PDB file of N, CA and C in Angstrom:
ATOM      1  N   THR A   1      83.365 -16.157 -68.289  1.00  0.00           N
ATOM      2  CA  THR A   1      82.477 -15.295 -68.530  1.00  0.00           C
ATOM      3  C   THR A   1      83.003 -13.877 -69.825  1.00  0.00           C
ATOM      4  N   GLY A   2      84.028 -13.788 -70.009  1.00  0.00           N
ATOM      5  CA  GLY A   2      84.885 -13.376 -71.625  1.00  0.00           C
ATOM      6  C   GLY A   2      84.910 -11.820 -71.250  1.00  0.00           C
ATOM      7  N   ARG A   3      85.251 -11.794 -70.017  1.00  0.00           N
ATOM      8  CA  ARG A   3      85.649 -10.333 -69.605  1.00  0.00           C
ATOM      9  C   ARG A   3      86.993 -10.547 -69.284  1.00  0.00           C
ATOM     10  N   ALA A   4      87.804  -9.298 -69.559  1.00  0.00           N
ATOM     11  CA  ALA A   4      88.207  -9.398 -69.282  1.00  0.00           C
ATOM     12  C   ALA A   4      89.496  -8.942 -67.973  1.00  0.00           C
ATOM     13  N   ILE A   5      90.670  -9.037 -67.681  1.00  0.00           N
ATOM     14  CA  ILE A   5      90.842  -9.229 -66.323  1.00  0.00           C
ATOM     15  C   ILE A   5      90.188  -7.562 -65.499  1.00  0.00           C
ATOM     16  N   ASP A   6      90.731  -6.517 -65.935  1.00  0.00           N
ATOM     17  CA  ASP A   6      90.096  -5.555 -65.740  1.00  0.00           C
ATOM     18  C   ASP A   6      89.295  -5.481 -65.177  1.00  0.00           C
ATOM     19  N   GLN A   7      88.755  -5.771 -65.740  1.00  0.00           N
ATOM     20  CA  GLN A   7      87.226  -5.765 -65.389  1.00  0.00           C
ATOM     21  C   GLN A   7      86.559  -6.191 -64.467  1.00  0.00           C
ATOM     22  N   GLU A   8      87.324  -7.505 -63.666  1.00  0.00           N
ATOM     23  CA  GLU A   8      86.812  -8.087 -62.780  1.00  0.00           C
ATOM     24  C   GLU A   8      87.346  -7.576 -61.844  1.00  0.00           C
ATOM     25  N   LEU A   9      88.589  -6.748 -61.592  1.00  0.00           N
ATOM     26  CA  LEU A   9      89.202  -6.001 -60.726  1.00  0.00           C
ATOM     27  C   LEU A   9      88.169  -5.864 -59.640  1.00  0.00           C
ATOM     28  N   GLY A  10      89.089  -5.463 -58.363  1.00  0.00           N
ATOM     29  CA  GLY A  10      87.446  -4.328 -57.541  1.00  0.00           C
ATOM     30  C   GLY A  10      86.797  -4.623 -57.804  1.00  0.00           C
ATOM     31  N   SER A  11      85.164  -4.231 -57.657  1.00  0.00           N
ATOM     32  CA  SER A  11      84.262  -4.847 -56.912  1.00  0.00           C
ATOM     33  C   SER A  11      83.136  -5.218 -58.761  1.00  0.00           C
ATOM     34  N   GLY A  12      83.924  -4.942 -59.779  1.00  0.00           N
ATOM     35  CA  GLY A  12      83.829  -5.071 -60.959  1.00  0.00           C
ATOM     36  C   GLY A  12      83.447  -5.935 -61.056  1.00  0.00           C
ATOM     37  N   TRP A  13      83.741  -7.455 -60.354  1.00  0.00           N
ATOM     38  CA  TRP A  13      83.653  -9.014 -60.718  1.00  0.00           C
ATOM     39  C   TRP A  13      81.471  -8.975 -60.120  1.00  0.00           C
ATOM     40  N   THR A  14      81.141  -8.498 -59.285  1.00  0.00           N
ATOM     41  CA  THR A  14      79.810  -8.081 -59.390  1.00  0.00           C
ATOM     42  C   THR A  14      79.311  -8.207 -60.764  1.00  0.00           C
ATOM     43  N   GLU A  15      79.388  -7.155 -61.694  1.00  0.00           N
ATOM     44  CA  GLU A  15      78.886  -6.988 -62.845  1.00  0.00           C
ATOM     45  C   GLU A  15      77.912  -8.374 -63.608  1.00  0.00           C
ATOM     46  N   GLY A  16      78.581  -9.512 -62.941  1.00  0.00           N
ATOM     47  CA  GLY A  16      78.729 -10.364 -64.287  1.00  0.00           C
ATOM     48  C   GLY A  16      77.077 -10.829 -63.176  1.00  0.00           C
ATOM     49  N   VAL A  17      77.498 -10.794 -61.780  1.00  0.00           N
ATOM     50  CA  VAL A  17      76.165 -11.926 -60.697  1.00  0.00           C
ATOM     51  C   VAL A  17      74.732 -11.979 -61.108  1.00  0.00           C
ATOM     52  N   HIS A  18      73.996 -12.419 -61.225  1.00  0.00           N
ATOM     53  CA  HIS A  18      72.680 -12.504 -61.238  1.00  0.00           C
ATOM     54  C   HIS A  18      71.234 -11.294 -60.237  1.00  0.00           C
ATOM     55  N   ALA A  19      71.205 -10.677 -60.487  1.00  0.00           N
ATOM     56  CA  ALA A  19      70.413  -9.239 -59.980  1.00  0.00           C
ATOM     57  C   ALA A  19      70.055 -10.131 -58.644  1.00  0.00           C
ATOM     58  N   GLU A  20      69.214 -10.787 -58.806  1.00  0.00           N
ATOM     59  CA  GLU A  20      68.391 -11.615 -57.500  1.00  0.00           C
ATOM     60  C   GLU A  20      69.568 -12.449 -56.402  1.00  0.00           C
ATOM     61  N   ASP A  21      70.418 -12.356 -57.119  1.00  0.00           N
ATOM     62  CA  ASP A  21      72.139 -13.233 -56.468  1.00  0.00           C
ATOM     63  C   ASP A  21      72.702 -12.236 -55.722  1.00  0.00           C
ATOM     64  N   ARG A  22      73.051 -10.777 -56.675  1.00  0.00           N
ATOM     65  CA  ARG A  22      74.302  -9.993 -56.241  1.00  0.00           C
ATOM     66  C   ARG A  22      74.472  -9.713 -54.542  1.00  0.00           C
ATOM     67  N   HIS A  23      73.462  -8.919 -53.836  1.00  0.00           N
ATOM     68  CA  HIS A  23      73.046  -9.218 -52.567  1.00  0.00           C
ATOM     69  C   HIS A  23      73.631 -10.006 -51.828  1.00  0.00           C
ATOM     70  N   ARG A  24      73.002 -11.213 -51.408  1.00  0.00           N
ATOM     71  CA  ARG A  24      73.605 -12.544 -50.529  1.00  0.00           C
ATOM     72  C   ARG A  24      74.884 -12.848 -51.101  1.00  0.00           C
ATOM     73  N   CYS A  25      75.504 -11.911 -52.356  1.00  0.00           N
ATOM     74  CA  CYS A  25      77.104 -12.794 -53.001  1.00  0.00           C
ATOM     75  C   CYS A  25      77.805 -11.872 -52.011  1.00  0.00           C
ATOM     76  N   VAL A  26      77.838 -10.645 -52.302  1.00  0.00           N
ATOM     77  CA  VAL A  26      78.040  -9.601 -52.458  1.00  0.00           C
ATOM     78  C   VAL A  26      78.950  -9.150 -49.893  1.00  0.00           C
ATOM     79  N   GLY A  27      77.482 -10.042 -49.831  1.00  0.00           N
ATOM     80  CA  GLY A  27      77.629 -10.504 -47.860  1.00  0.00           C
ATOM     81  C   GLY A  27      78.396 -11.463 -47.629  1.00  0.00           C
ATOM     82  N   VAL A  28      78.181 -12.366 -48.469  1.00  0.00           N
ATOM     83  CA  VAL A  28      79.290 -13.388 -48.232  1.00  0.00           C
ATOM     84  C   VAL A  28      80.182 -13.020 -48.499  1.00  0.00           C
ATOM     85  N   TYR A  29      80.938 -12.752 -49.530  1.00  0.00           N
ATOM     86  CA  TYR A  29      82.018 -11.987 -49.842  1.00  0.00           C
ATOM     87  C   TYR A  29      82.762 -10.874 -48.549  1.00  0.00           C
ATOM     88  N   LYS A  30      82.211 -10.529 -48.045  1.00  0.00           N
ATOM     89  CA  LYS A  30      82.527  -8.938 -47.416  1.00  0.00           C
ATOM     90  C   LYS A  30      82.475  -9.407 -45.895  1.00  0.00           C
ATOM     91  N   ARG A  31      81.753 -10.720 -45.517  1.00  0.00           N
ATOM     92  CA  ARG A  31      82.710 -11.065 -44.231  1.00  0.00           C
ATOM     93  C   ARG A  31      83.313 -11.877 -44.203  1.00  0.00           C
ATOM     94  N   ALA A  32      82.991 -12.786 -45.251  1.00  0.00           N
ATOM     95  CA  ALA A  32      84.360 -13.486 -45.193  1.00  0.00           C
ATOM     96  C   ALA A  32      85.853 -12.966 -45.621  1.00  0.00           C
ATOM     97  N   PHE A  33      85.775 -11.773 -46.054  1.00  0.00           N
ATOM     98  CA  PHE A  33      86.802 -10.777 -46.698  1.00  0.00           C
ATOM     99  C   PHE A  33      87.889  -9.946 -45.246  1.00  0.00           C
ATOM    100  N   ASP A  34      86.302  -9.575 -44.748  1.00  0.00           N
ATOM    101  CA  ASP A  34      86.670  -8.538 -43.152  1.00  0.00           C
ATOM    102  C   ASP A  34      87.327 -10.090 -41.941  1.00  0.00           C
ATOM    103  N   ALA A  35      86.975 -10.506 -42.144  1.00  0.00           N
ATOM    104  CA  ALA A  35      87.450 -12.023 -41.036  1.00  0.00           C
ATOM    105  C   ALA A  35      88.232 -12.257 -41.842  1.00  0.00           C
ATOM    106  N   ARG A  36      88.987 -12.476 -42.949  1.00  0.00           N
ATOM    107  CA  ARG A  36      89.998 -13.404 -43.382  1.00  0.00           C
ATOM    108  C   ARG A  36      89.841 -14.478 -42.880  1.00  0.00           C
ATOM    109  N   GLU A  37      88.253 -15.293 -43.621  1.00  0.00           N
ATOM    110  CA  GLU A  37      87.837 -16.204 -43.759  1.00  0.00           C
ATOM    111  C   GLU A  37      87.761 -17.026 -45.082  1.00  0.00           C
ATOM    112  N   PRO A  38      88.353 -18.020 -44.659  1.00  0.00           N
ATOM    113  CA  PRO A  38      87.653 -19.452 -46.570  1.00  0.00           C
ATOM    114  C   PRO A  38      86.155 -18.643 -46.268  1.00  0.00           C
ATOM    115  N   PHE A  39      85.376 -18.753 -47.261  1.00  0.00           N
ATOM    116  CA  PHE A  39      84.580 -18.383 -48.256  1.00  0.00           C
ATOM    117  C   PHE A  39      83.323 -20.273 -49.354  1.00  0.00           C
ATOM    118  N   THR A  40      82.327 -20.265 -49.267  1.00  0.00           N
ATOM    119  CA  THR A  40      81.605 -21.133 -50.590  1.00  0.00           C
ATOM    120  C   THR A  40      80.399 -20.718 -50.574  1.00  0.00           C
ATOM    121  N   MET A  41      80.406 -20.533 -51.928  1.00  0.00           N
ATOM    122  CA  MET A  41      78.867 -19.514 -52.265  1.00  0.00           C
ATOM    123  C   MET A  41      78.503 -20.591 -53.592  1.00  0.00           C
ATOM    124  N   GLU A  42      77.318 -19.874 -53.497  1.00  0.00           N
ATOM    125  CA  GLU A  42      76.785 -20.865 -54.831  1.00  0.00           C
ATOM    126  C   GLU A  42      75.511 -19.266 -56.117  1.00  0.00           C
ATOM    127  N   TYR A  43      75.361 -19.074 -56.809  1.00  0.00           N
ATOM    128  CA  TYR A  43      75.422 -17.686 -57.499  1.00  0.00           C
ATOM    129  C   TYR A  43      75.320 -18.566 -59.175  1.00  0.00           C
ATOM    130  N   ARG A  44      74.218 -17.344 -59.612  1.00  0.00           N
ATOM    131  CA  ARG A  44      73.775 -17.830 -61.127  1.00  0.00           C
ATOM    132  C   ARG A  44      75.225 -16.406 -61.562  1.00  0.00           C
ATOM    133  N   LEU A  45      76.654 -16.556 -62.228  1.00  0.00           N
ATOM    134  CA  LEU A  45      77.302 -15.389 -63.369  1.00  0.00           C
ATOM    135  C   LEU A  45      76.868 -15.592 -65.015  1.00  0.00           C
ATOM    136  N   ARG A  46      77.205 -14.480 -65.852  1.00  0.00           N
ATOM    137  CA  ARG A  46      76.324 -14.345 -66.629  1.00  0.00           C
ATOM    138  C   ARG A  46      77.267 -14.674 -67.661  1.00  0.00           C
ATOM    139  N   ARG A  47      77.677 -15.341 -68.995  1.00  0.00           N
ATOM    140  CA  ARG A  47      79.157 -15.340 -69.603  1.00  0.00           C
ATOM    141  C   ARG A  47      78.769 -14.171 -70.606  1.00  0.00           C
ATOM    142  N   SER A  48      79.708 -14.776 -71.469  1.00  0.00           N
ATOM    143  CA  SER A  48      79.214 -13.244 -72.525  1.00  0.00           C
ATOM    144  C   SER A  48      78.524 -13.313 -73.719  1.00  0.00           C
ATOM    145  N   ASP A  49      78.036 -14.644 -73.657  1.00  0.00           N
ATOM    146  CA  ASP A  49      76.722 -14.181 -74.408  1.00  0.00           C
ATOM    147  C   ASP A  49      75.228 -14.355 -73.845  1.00  0.00           C
ATOM    148  N   GLY A  50      75.741 -13.743 -72.527  1.00  0.00           N
ATOM    149  CA  GLY A  50      74.396 -13.240 -72.084  1.00  0.00           C
ATOM    150  C   GLY A  50      73.782 -14.482 -71.365  1.00  0.00           C
ATOM    151  N   GLU A  51      74.255 -15.703 -71.413  1.00  0.00           N
ATOM    152  CA  GLU A  51      73.356 -16.623 -70.320  1.00  0.00           C
ATOM    153  C   GLU A  51      74.039 -16.523 -69.415  1.00  0.00           C
ATOM    154  N   TYR A  52      73.143 -16.975 -68.257  1.00  0.00           N
ATOM    155  CA  TYR A  52      73.322 -17.636 -66.680  1.00  0.00           C
ATOM    156  C   TYR A  52      73.470 -18.734 -66.259  1.00  0.00           C
ATOM    157  N   ARG A  53      74.929 -18.637 -66.263  1.00  0.00           N
ATOM    158  CA  ARG A  53      75.453 -20.463 -65.444  1.00  0.00           C
ATOM    159  C   ARG A  53      75.755 -20.116 -64.069  1.00  0.00           C
ATOM    160  N   TRP A  54      74.968 -21.513 -63.637  1.00  0.00           N
ATOM    161  CA  TRP A  54      75.750 -21.747 -61.790  1.00  0.00           C
ATOM    162  C   TRP A  54      77.125 -21.852 -61.454  1.00  0.00           C
ATOM    163  N   VAL A  55      77.355 -20.848 -60.391  1.00  0.00           N
ATOM    164  CA  VAL A  55      78.977 -21.578 -60.753  1.00  0.00           C
ATOM    165  C   VAL A  55      78.850 -21.812 -58.487  1.00  0.00           C
ATOM    166  N   LEU A  56      80.363 -22.529 -58.553  1.00  0.00           N
ATOM    167  CA  LEU A  56      80.362 -22.789 -56.595  1.00  0.00           C
ATOM    168  C   LEU A  56      81.510 -22.253 -57.148  1.00  0.00           C
ATOM    169  N   VAL A  57      81.342 -21.295 -56.078  1.00  0.00           N
ATOM    170  CA  VAL A  57      82.522 -20.363 -55.577  1.00  0.00           C
ATOM    171  C   VAL A  57      82.901 -20.594 -54.049  1.00  0.00           C
ATOM    172  N   SER A  58      84.911 -20.688 -54.540  1.00  0.00           N
ATOM    173  CA  SER A  58      85.074 -20.671 -53.400  1.00  0.00           C
ATOM    174  C   SER A  58      86.351 -20.335 -53.184  1.00  0.00           C
ATOM    175  N   GLY A  59      87.066 -19.252 -51.591  1.00  0.00           N
ATOM    176  CA  GLY A  59      87.894 -18.664 -52.238  1.00  0.00           C
ATOM    177  C   GLY A  59      88.844 -18.697 -50.054  1.00  0.00           C
ATOM    178  N   THR A  60      89.814 -18.956 -50.519  1.00  0.00           N
ATOM    179  CA  THR A  60      90.869 -18.977 -49.326  1.00  0.00           C
ATOM    180  C   THR A  60      91.732 -17.980 -49.336  1.00  0.00           C
ATOM    181  N   PRO A  61      91.875 -17.746 -47.994  1.00  0.00           N
ATOM    182  CA  PRO A  61      92.083 -15.834 -47.396  1.00  0.00           C
ATOM    183  C   PRO A  61      94.445 -16.861 -47.429  1.00  0.00           C
ATOM    184  N   ARG A  62      94.782 -15.829 -48.477  1.00  0.00           N
ATOM    185  CA  ARG A  62      96.329 -16.316 -48.620  1.00  0.00           C
ATOM    186  C   ARG A  62      97.022 -15.248 -48.179  1.00  0.00           C
ATOM    187  N   PHE A  63      98.194 -15.199 -46.832  1.00  0.00           N
ATOM    188  CA  PHE A  63      98.982 -14.535 -46.393  1.00  0.00           C
ATOM    189  C   PHE A  63     100.679 -14.885 -46.323  1.00  0.00           C
ATOM    190  N   ALA A  64     101.102 -13.761 -46.530  1.00  0.00           N
ATOM    191  CA  ALA A  64     102.906 -13.172 -46.402  1.00  0.00           C
ATOM    192  C   ALA A  64     103.310 -13.858 -45.507  1.00  0.00           C
ATOM    193  N   ALA A  65     104.763 -14.800 -45.584  1.00  0.00           N
ATOM    194  CA  ALA A  65     105.572 -14.953 -44.390  1.00  0.00           C
ATOM    195  C   ALA A  65     104.788 -14.095 -43.293  1.00  0.00           C
ATOM    196  N   ASP A  66     104.851 -13.326 -43.419  1.00  0.00           N
ATOM    197  CA  ASP A  66     104.906 -11.987 -42.021  1.00  0.00           C
ATOM    198  C   ASP A  66     103.521 -12.020 -42.082  1.00  0.00           C
ATOM    199  N   GLY A  67     102.138 -12.363 -42.234  1.00  0.00           N
ATOM    200  CA  GLY A  67     101.288 -12.894 -41.284  1.00  0.00           C
ATOM    201  C   GLY A  67     100.527 -11.282 -42.196  1.00  0.00           C
ATOM    202  N   ALA A  68     100.882 -11.062 -43.009  1.00  0.00           N
ATOM    203  CA  ALA A  68     100.220 -10.290 -43.806  1.00  0.00           C
ATOM    204  C   ALA A  68      99.498 -10.434 -45.005  1.00  0.00           C
ATOM    205  N   PHE A  69      97.935 -10.285 -44.921  1.00  0.00           N
ATOM    206  CA  PHE A  69      96.474 -10.361 -45.965  1.00  0.00           C
ATOM    207  C   PHE A  69      97.160 -10.120 -47.105  1.00  0.00           C
ATOM    208  N   LEU A  70      97.212 -11.246 -48.253  1.00  0.00           N
ATOM    209  CA  LEU A  70      97.517 -10.957 -49.131  1.00  0.00           C
ATOM    210  C   LEU A  70      96.611 -11.366 -50.361  1.00  0.00           C
ATOM    211  N   GLY A  71      94.873 -11.482 -49.823  1.00  0.00           N
ATOM    212  CA  GLY A  71      94.482 -10.998 -50.825  1.00  0.00           C
ATOM    213  C   GLY A  71      93.693 -13.203 -50.873  1.00  0.00           C
ATOM    214  N   TYR A  72      92.993 -13.382 -51.958  1.00  0.00           N
ATOM    215  CA  TYR A  72      92.006 -14.535 -51.751  1.00  0.00           C
ATOM    216  C   TYR A  72      92.536 -15.602 -52.903  1.00  0.00           C
ATOM    217  N   ILE A  73      92.880 -16.969 -53.082  1.00  0.00           N
ATOM    218  CA  ILE A  73      93.188 -18.029 -53.982  1.00  0.00           C
ATOM    219  C   ILE A  73      92.187 -18.327 -53.791  1.00  0.00           C
ATOM    220  N   GLY A  74      91.139 -18.678 -55.452  1.00  0.00           N
ATOM    221  CA  GLY A  74      90.165 -19.289 -55.302  1.00  0.00           C
ATOM    222  C   GLY A  74      89.673 -19.928 -56.838  1.00  0.00           C
ATOM    223  N   SER A  75      88.243 -20.771 -56.878  1.00  0.00           N
ATOM    224  CA  SER A  75      88.058 -21.092 -57.880  1.00  0.00           C
ATOM    225  C   SER A  75      86.680 -21.015 -57.942  1.00  0.00           C
ATOM    226  N   CYS A  76      86.129 -21.284 -59.503  1.00  0.00           N
ATOM    227  CA  CYS A  76      84.896 -21.020 -60.178  1.00  0.00           C
ATOM    228  C   CYS A  76      84.505 -22.819 -60.760  1.00  0.00           C
ATOM    229  N   ILE A  77      83.531 -22.833 -60.180  1.00  0.00           N
ATOM    230  CA  ILE A  77      82.610 -24.551 -60.689  1.00  0.00           C
ATOM    231  C   ILE A  77      81.881 -24.426 -61.654  1.00  0.00           C
ATOM    232  N   ASP A  78      81.307 -24.333 -63.239  1.00  0.00           N
ATOM    233  CA  ASP A  78      79.962 -24.550 -63.610  1.00  0.00           C
ATOM    234  C   ASP A  78      79.377 -25.461 -63.167  1.00  0.00           C
ATOM    235  N   ILE A  79      78.312 -25.809 -62.150  1.00  0.00           N
ATOM    236  CA  ILE A  79      77.614 -26.450 -61.229  1.00  0.00           C
ATOM    237  C   ILE A  79      76.070 -26.152 -61.776  1.00  0.00           C
ATOM    238  N   THR A  80      75.681 -25.988 -63.354  1.00  0.00           N
ATOM    239  CA  THR A  80      74.310 -25.846 -63.659  1.00  0.00           C
ATOM    240  C   THR A  80      73.014 -26.812 -64.014  1.00  0.00           C
ATOM    241  N   GLU A  81      73.909 -27.940 -64.484  1.00  0.00           N
ATOM    242  CA  GLU A  81      73.750 -29.141 -64.509  1.00  0.00           C
ATOM    243  C   GLU A  81      73.225 -29.994 -63.798  1.00  0.00           C
ATOM    244  N   ARG A  82      74.673 -30.197 -62.191  1.00  0.00           N
ATOM    245  CA  ARG A  82      73.599 -29.615 -60.656  1.00  0.00           C
ATOM    246  C   ARG A  82      72.336 -29.619 -60.975  1.00  0.00           C
ATOM    247  N   LYS A  83      72.497 -28.297 -60.764  1.00  0.00           N
ATOM    248  CA  LYS A  83      71.045 -27.362 -60.039  1.00  0.00           C
ATOM    249  C   LYS A  83      69.875 -27.515 -60.879  1.00  0.00           C
ATOM    250  N   LEU A  84      70.240 -27.789 -62.360  1.00  0.00           N
ATOM    251  CA  LEU A  84      68.704 -28.221 -63.191  1.00  0.00           C
ATOM    252  C   LEU A  84      68.803 -29.880 -62.693  1.00  0.00           C
ATOM    253  N   ALA A  85      69.549 -30.628 -62.470  1.00  0.00           N
ATOM    254  CA  ALA A  85      68.843 -32.021 -61.786  1.00  0.00           C
ATOM    255  C   ALA A  85      68.564 -31.878 -60.276  1.00  0.00           C
ATOM    256  N   GLU A  86      68.409 -30.730 -59.633  1.00  0.00           N
ATOM    257  CA  GLU A  86      68.224 -31.046 -58.473  1.00  0.00           C
ATOM    258  C   GLU A  86      66.598 -30.617 -58.417  1.00  0.00           C
ATOM    259  N   GLU A  87      66.656 -29.984 -59.458  1.00  0.00           N
ATOM    260  CA  GLU A  87      65.510 -28.668 -59.450  1.00  0.00           C
ATOM    261  C   GLU A  87      64.204 -29.989 -59.702  1.00  0.00           C
ATOM    262  N   LYS A  88      65.109 -30.517 -60.754  1.00  0.00           N
ATOM    263  CA  LYS A  88      64.216 -31.621 -61.712  1.00  0.00           C
ATOM    264  C   LYS A  88      63.897 -32.823 -60.696  1.00  0.00           C
ATOM    265  N   PHE A  89      64.585 -33.116 -59.688  1.00  0.00           N
ATOM    266  CA  PHE A  89      64.301 -34.016 -58.119  1.00  0.00           C
ATOM    267  C   PHE A  89      63.550 -33.369 -57.139  1.00  0.00           C
ATOM    268  N   GLN A  90      63.239 -32.631 -57.144  1.00  0.00           N
ATOM    269  CA  GLN A  90      62.417 -32.033 -56.392  1.00  0.00           C
ATOM    270  C   GLN A  90      61.201 -31.722 -56.937  1.00  0.00           C
ATOM    271  N   LEU A  91      60.738 -31.173 -58.168  1.00  0.00           N
ATOM    272  CA  LEU A  91      59.508 -31.708 -58.878  1.00  0.00           C
ATOM    273  C   LEU A  91      58.616 -32.513 -58.958  1.00  0.00           C
ATOM    274  N   VAL A  92      59.385 -33.985 -58.902  1.00  0.00           N
ATOM    275  CA  VAL A  92      59.285 -35.125 -59.028  1.00  0.00           C
ATOM    276  C   VAL A  92      58.513 -35.096 -57.037  1.00  0.00           C
ATOM    277  N   LEU A  93      59.567 -35.348 -56.305  1.00  0.00           N
ATOM    278  CA  LEU A  93      59.584 -35.206 -55.251  1.00  0.00           C
ATOM    279  C   LEU A  93      57.412 -34.359 -54.378  1.00  0.00           C
ATOM    280  N   ASP A  94      57.701 -33.103 -55.202  1.00  0.00           N
ATOM    281  CA  ASP A  94      56.561 -31.897 -54.664  1.00  0.00           C
ATOM    282  C   ASP A  94      55.477 -32.652 -55.790  1.00  0.00           C
ATOM    283  N   ALA A  95      55.325 -33.326 -56.310  1.00  0.00           N
ATOM    284  CA  ALA A  95      53.868 -34.394 -57.231  1.00  0.00           C
ATOM    285  C   ALA A  95      54.008 -35.145 -56.774  1.00  0.00           C
ATOM    286  N   ALA A  96      54.703 -36.201 -55.730  1.00  0.00           N
ATOM    287  CA  ALA A  96      54.649 -37.422 -55.510  1.00  0.00           C
ATOM    288  C   ALA A  96      53.409 -37.562 -54.250  1.00  0.00           C
ATOM    289  N   PRO A  97      52.897 -38.224 -55.100  1.00  0.00           N
ATOM    290  CA  PRO A  97      50.829 -38.809 -53.720  1.00  0.00           C
ATOM    291  C   PRO A  97      51.340 -39.346 -52.380  1.00  0.00           C
ATOM    292  N   ASN A  98      52.507 -39.521 -52.331  1.00  0.00           N
ATOM    293  CA  ASN A  98      53.819 -40.145 -51.512  1.00  0.00           C
ATOM    294  C   ASN A  98      53.680 -39.284 -49.978  1.00  0.00           C
ATOM    295  N   ALA A  99      53.325 -39.640 -49.559  1.00  0.00           N
ATOM    296  CA  ALA A  99      54.566 -38.349 -47.817  1.00  0.00           C
ATOM    297  C   ALA A  99      55.977 -38.950 -48.191  1.00  0.00           C
ATOM    298  N   MET A 100      56.856 -38.119 -48.694  1.00  0.00           N
ATOM    299  CA  MET A 100      58.393 -38.788 -48.559  1.00  0.00           C
ATOM    300  C   MET A 100      59.078 -37.551 -47.399  1.00  0.00           C
ATOM    301  N   ILE A 101      59.648 -38.499 -46.536  1.00  0.00           N
ATOM    302  CA  ILE A 101      60.537 -37.409 -45.258  1.00  0.00           C
ATOM    303  C   ILE A 101      61.948 -37.967 -45.909  1.00  0.00           C
ATOM    304  N   MET A 102      62.781 -37.197 -45.211  1.00  0.00           N
ATOM    305  CA  MET A 102      64.220 -37.344 -45.256  1.00  0.00           C
ATOM    306  C   MET A 102      65.097 -37.261 -43.758  1.00  0.00           C
ATOM    307  N   VAL A 103      65.478 -38.178 -43.082  1.00  0.00           N
ATOM    308  CA  VAL A 103      65.864 -38.219 -41.659  1.00  0.00           C
ATOM    309  C   VAL A 103      67.302 -38.179 -41.644  1.00  0.00           C
ATOM    310  N   ASP A 104      68.054 -37.853 -41.267  1.00  0.00           N
ATOM    311  CA  ASP A 104      69.574 -37.197 -41.172  1.00  0.00           C
ATOM    312  C   ASP A 104      69.918 -38.447 -39.647  1.00  0.00           C
ATOM    313  N   SER A 105      71.065 -38.518 -39.699  1.00  0.00           N
ATOM    314  CA  SER A 105      71.053 -40.106 -38.747  1.00  0.00           C
ATOM    315  C   SER A 105      70.908 -39.079 -37.860  1.00  0.00           C
ATOM    316  N   ALA A 106      71.169 -37.830 -36.820  1.00  0.00           N
ATOM    317  CA  ALA A 106      70.440 -37.562 -35.363  1.00  0.00           C
ATOM    318  C   ALA A 106      69.287 -37.083 -35.251  1.00  0.00           C
ATOM    319  N   GLY A 107      68.317 -38.150 -36.475  1.00  0.00           N
ATOM    320  CA  GLY A 107      67.252 -37.587 -36.500  1.00  0.00           C
ATOM    321  C   GLY A 107      66.676 -36.610 -36.760  1.00  0.00           C
ATOM    322  N   VAL A 108      66.808 -35.998 -37.442  1.00  0.00           N
ATOM    323  CA  VAL A 108      66.252 -35.164 -37.343  1.00  0.00           C
ATOM    324  C   VAL A 108      66.426 -34.268 -39.156  1.00  0.00           C
ATOM    325  N   ILE A 109      64.460 -33.966 -39.457  1.00  0.00           N
ATOM    326  CA  ILE A 109      63.706 -33.903 -40.153  1.00  0.00           C
ATOM    327  C   ILE A 109      64.943 -33.345 -41.104  1.00  0.00           C
ATOM    328  N   ASN A 110      64.747 -33.114 -42.542  1.00  0.00           N
ATOM    329  CA  ASN A 110      65.834 -32.472 -43.086  1.00  0.00           C
ATOM    330  C   ASN A 110      64.833 -32.190 -44.705  1.00  0.00           C
ATOM    331  N   PHE A 111      63.997 -32.639 -44.714  1.00  0.00           N
ATOM    332  CA  PHE A 111      63.485 -32.229 -46.050  1.00  0.00           C
ATOM    333  C   PHE A 111      61.327 -33.312 -45.844  1.00  0.00           C
ATOM    334  N   ALA A 112      60.714 -33.002 -46.356  1.00  0.00           N
ATOM    335  CA  ALA A 112      59.326 -33.546 -46.104  1.00  0.00           C
ATOM    336  C   ALA A 112      58.251 -33.370 -47.900  1.00  0.00           C
ATOM    337  N   ASN A 113      58.052 -33.590 -49.031  1.00  0.00           N
ATOM    338  CA  ASN A 113      57.402 -33.004 -49.820  1.00  0.00           C
ATOM    339  C   ASN A 113      55.807 -32.920 -48.493  1.00  0.00           C
ATOM    340  N   ALA A 114      55.490 -32.478 -49.951  1.00  0.00           N
ATOM    341  CA  ALA A 114      53.849 -31.548 -49.843  1.00  0.00           C
ATOM    342  C   ALA A 114      53.062 -32.585 -49.274  1.00  0.00           C
ATOM    343  N   SER A 115      53.109 -34.522 -49.927  1.00  0.00           N
ATOM    344  CA  SER A 115      52.248 -34.861 -48.907  1.00  0.00           C
ATOM    345  C   SER A 115      52.320 -35.287 -47.791  1.00  0.00           C
ATOM    346  N   ALA A 116      53.903 -34.977 -47.504  1.00  0.00           N
ATOM    347  CA  ALA A 116      54.227 -35.132 -46.397  1.00  0.00           C
ATOM    348  C   ALA A 116      53.141 -34.883 -45.079  1.00  0.00           C
ATOM    349  N   THR A 117      52.773 -33.204 -45.283  1.00  0.00           N
ATOM    350  CA  THR A 117      51.692 -32.437 -44.726  1.00  0.00           C
ATOM    351  C   THR A 117      50.202 -33.152 -44.293  1.00  0.00           C
ATOM    352  N   THR A 118      50.390 -33.797 -45.116  1.00  0.00           N
ATOM    353  CA  THR A 118      49.070 -34.750 -44.830  1.00  0.00           C
ATOM    354  C   THR A 118      48.868 -35.369 -43.496  1.00  0.00           C
ATOM    355  N   VAL A 119      49.707 -35.745 -43.416  1.00  0.00           N
ATOM    356  CA  VAL A 119      50.592 -37.145 -42.679  1.00  0.00           C
ATOM    357  C   VAL A 119      50.406 -36.706 -41.556  1.00  0.00           C
ATOM    358  N   PHE A 120      50.748 -35.858 -41.454  1.00  0.00           N
ATOM    359  CA  PHE A 120      51.599 -35.696 -39.942  1.00  0.00           C
ATOM    360  C   PHE A 120      50.710 -33.530 -38.827  1.00  0.00           C
TER     361      PHE A 120
END
């Protein structure tokens, strides 16, 4: 992000989160933090050049030998290229003249394109 570590401490890390993602992102973090549970989330994060990139962030709580909560160990992976590919794929599916439906192994429909609405 190009920010110094002291800028990221406390709630400073939220300053780089895209405004449209911030409320959801902080909510996920607070719920996990309060419960001392692992979390995973995707959001847009601003780089030092001002460009927003999609990131996949995961955190795992860390505890001392006596069980005291020490904080989180986490990772942040740039998934921008994956998100762009997903958007292109969605555009193709939505523009397809034929109905397309994805069903999981339990028989639950987890995707239907716009053309599928004309079939059902």
